[in-house]
Amino acid sequence: MDRDQLVGRTEKAWAAFAESYAGLSDSQMTDALVTRTWSVKDIISHVTWWEEEALKYLPLIATGGRTPRYSAMYGGIDAFNAVMTEERRGLSLSAVLGRADEVHARLIRYLGSVPEELLATDTRFRRRLRVDTYSHYRRHATVIEEWRNRS
């Protein structure tokens, strides 16, 4: 896969994620629980902080570095997600949406600067990118769409 294909895949999944909550009212985005504990706003925050994690650790991976383990730092990914949820829960919907757009734009710009060889095959870099971005967007878009269909 070349850069254009990978960026295209990422943008297509991002657009589907955004479409999953398009047209919802502010109260539907903030008050209704899509999961047992998360609103749509919380899910958008969650997707954003994982893009931020990608932007933090992909450059390290690109140079052959090892990323810290979430189990050692936080007690696991679920514990990290819980910490981040509480840290960002007080943000306004407009702040969450603005941050999501800004971070996603930074991610796309960053992908434009990455050496092609990191993108072309199944590298550690590419696996981390997939997990933190386009496969992650799809998973949460599906959760929101299923919630919308039940509501």
Protein backbone atom coordinates (compact mmCIF):
# COMPACT_ATOMS: atom_id res chain seq x y z
CA MET A 1 0.00 0.00 0.00
CA ASP A 2 1.41 3.39 -0.87
CA ARG A 3 0.99 6.66 1.04
CA ASP A 4 -1.99 7.86 -1.00
CA GLN A 5 -3.83 4.59 -0.47
CA LEU A 6 -3.13 4.59 3.26
CA VAL A 7 -4.17 8.21 3.68
CA GLY A 8 -7.26 7.49 1.58
CA ARG A 9 -8.15 4.52 3.78
CA THR A 10 -7.66 6.63 6.89
CA GLU A 11 -9.75 9.52 5.55
CA LYS A 12 -12.54 7.20 4.36
CA ALA A 13 -12.77 5.60 7.81
CA TRP A 14 -12.65 9.05 9.46
CA ALA A 15 -15.51 10.26 7.26
CA ALA A 16 -17.57 7.19 8.18
CA PHE A 17 -16.87 7.86 11.85
CA ALA A 18 -18.01 11.49 11.50
CA GLU A 19 -21.09 10.36 9.55
CA SER A 20 -22.03 8.01 12.40
CA TYR A 21 -22.85 10.99 14.62
CA ALA A 22 -23.81 13.55 11.97
CA GLY A 23 -27.16 15.20 12.59
CA LEU A 24 -27.35 14.37 16.29
CA SER A 25 -28.44 17.16 18.60
CA ASP A 26 -26.06 18.49 21.22
CA SER A 27 -28.02 16.70 23.93
CA GLN A 28 -27.92 13.41 22.01
CA MET A 29 -24.14 13.85 21.72
CA THR A 30 -23.59 14.67 25.38
CA ASP A 31 -26.41 13.26 27.51
CA ALA A 32 -27.34 9.90 26.03
CA LEU A 33 -25.14 6.93 26.86
CA VAL A 34 -24.12 4.98 23.78
CA THR A 35 -22.29 2.41 25.90
CA ARG A 36 -22.70 1.71 29.60
CA THR A 37 -20.50 4.70 30.41
CA TRP A 38 -19.77 6.76 27.27
CA SER A 39 -21.73 9.35 25.34
CA VAL A 40 -21.01 10.16 21.70
CA LYS A 41 -18.89 13.07 22.94
CA ASP A 42 -16.89 10.67 25.11
CA ILE A 43 -16.35 8.35 22.13
CA ILE A 44 -15.10 11.25 20.00
CA SER A 45 -12.72 12.22 22.82
CA HIS A 46 -11.58 8.59 23.04
CA VAL A 47 -10.84 8.38 19.31
CA THR A 48 -8.98 11.70 19.54
CA TRP A 49 -6.73 10.71 22.42
CA TRP A 50 -5.76 7.55 20.55
CA GLU A 51 -4.83 9.68 17.54
CA GLU A 52 -2.75 11.76 19.96
CA GLU A 53 -1.10 8.58 21.21
CA ALA A 54 -0.35 7.66 17.59
CA LEU A 55 1.23 11.07 17.01
CA LYS A 56 3.28 10.66 20.19
CA TYR A 57 4.56 7.14 19.51
CA LEU A 58 4.67 6.69 15.73
CA PRO A 59 7.80 8.89 15.44
CA LEU A 60 9.45 6.74 18.12
CA ILE A 61 8.49 3.55 16.29
CA ALA A 62 9.73 5.06 13.00
CA THR A 63 13.21 5.39 14.47
CA GLY A 64 13.21 1.85 15.89
CA GLY A 65 12.27 2.83 19.43
CA ARG A 66 10.05 0.84 21.76
CA THR A 67 6.86 2.29 23.12
CA PRO A 68 6.05 2.09 26.83
CA ARG A 69 3.57 -0.54 27.90
CA TYR A 70 0.18 0.73 29.03
CA SER A 71 0.10 -2.06 31.61
CA ALA A 72 3.22 -0.69 33.27
CA MET A 73 2.19 2.96 32.97
CA TYR A 74 -1.52 2.73 33.84
CA GLY A 75 -2.40 -0.83 34.74
CA GLY A 76 -3.61 -1.59 31.20
CA ILE A 77 -5.40 0.00 28.29
CA ASP A 78 -8.78 -0.04 30.05
CA ALA A 79 -7.28 1.86 32.98
CA PHE A 80 -5.67 4.35 30.57
CA ASN A 81 -9.03 4.84 28.86
CA ALA A 82 -10.71 5.42 32.23
CA VAL A 83 -8.11 8.04 33.24
CA MET A 84 -8.43 9.84 29.92
CA THR A 85 -12.25 9.71 30.02
CA GLU A 86 -12.31 11.44 33.39
CA GLU A 87 -9.65 13.93 32.32
CA ARG A 88 -11.66 15.01 29.28
CA ARG A 89 -15.23 14.56 30.45
CA GLY A 90 -15.52 18.21 31.48
CA LEU A 91 -14.66 19.54 28.02
CA SER A 92 -17.48 21.15 26.09
CA LEU A 93 -18.84 19.46 22.99
CA SER A 94 -17.44 22.23 20.80
CA ALA A 95 -13.99 21.80 22.42
CA VAL A 96 -14.10 18.05 21.81
CA LEU A 97 -15.15 18.47 18.18
CA GLY A 98 -12.55 21.17 17.56
CA ARG A 99 -9.81 19.08 19.12
CA ALA A 100 -10.85 16.06 17.07
CA ASP A 101 -10.60 18.02 13.83
CA GLU A 102 -7.27 19.61 14.78
CA VAL A 103 -5.63 16.36 15.90
CA HIS A 104 -6.89 14.47 12.86
CA ALA A 105 -5.50 17.16 10.55
CA ARG A 106 -2.11 16.89 12.33
CA LEU A 107 -2.17 13.13 11.87
CA ILE A 108 -2.84 13.42 8.14
CA ARG A 109 -0.05 16.01 7.78
CA TYR A 110 2.29 13.72 9.69
CA LEU A 111 1.49 10.80 7.40
CA GLY A 112 2.57 12.99 4.50
CA SER A 113 6.07 13.20 6.00
CA VAL A 114 6.61 9.54 6.86
CA PRO A 115 9.09 7.53 4.79
CA GLU A 116 7.22 5.40 2.28
CA GLU A 117 8.88 2.17 3.44
CA LEU A 118 7.14 2.46 6.82
CA LEU A 119 3.76 2.52 5.08
CA ALA A 120 4.21 -0.02 2.29
CA THR A 121 4.33 -3.26 4.28
CA ASP A 122 3.12 -4.71 7.56
CA THR A 123 5.58 -2.88 9.79
CA ARG A 124 5.30 -2.09 13.52
CA PHE A 125 4.60 1.47 12.41
CA ARG A 126 1.76 0.46 10.15
CA ARG A 127 0.23 -1.88 12.76
CA ARG A 128 0.22 0.89 15.38
CA LEU A 129 -1.28 3.30 12.87
CA ARG A 130 -4.05 0.84 11.99
CA VAL A 131 -4.93 0.10 15.62
CA ASP A 132 -4.96 3.76 16.70
CA THR A 133 -6.74 5.15 13.63
CA TYR A 134 -8.69 3.64 10.77
CA SER A 135 -9.67 0.32 12.37
CA HIS A 136 -10.42 2.20 15.60
CA TYR A 137 -12.66 4.71 13.80
CA ARG A 138 -14.66 1.89 12.21
CA ARG A 139 -15.17 0.09 15.52
CA HIS A 140 -16.60 3.18 17.19
CA ALA A 141 -18.64 4.25 14.16
CA THR A 142 -20.33 0.85 14.33
CA VAL A 143 -21.08 1.29 18.05
CA ILE A 144 -22.67 4.69 17.42
CA GLU A 145 -24.66 3.44 14.41
CA GLU A 146 -26.00 0.47 16.38
CA TRP A 147 -27.01 2.82 19.22
CA ARG A 148 -28.77 5.11 16.72
CA ASN A 149 -30.65 2.15 15.26
CA ARG A 150 -31.84 1.10 18.75
CA SER A 151 -32.93 4.62 19.74
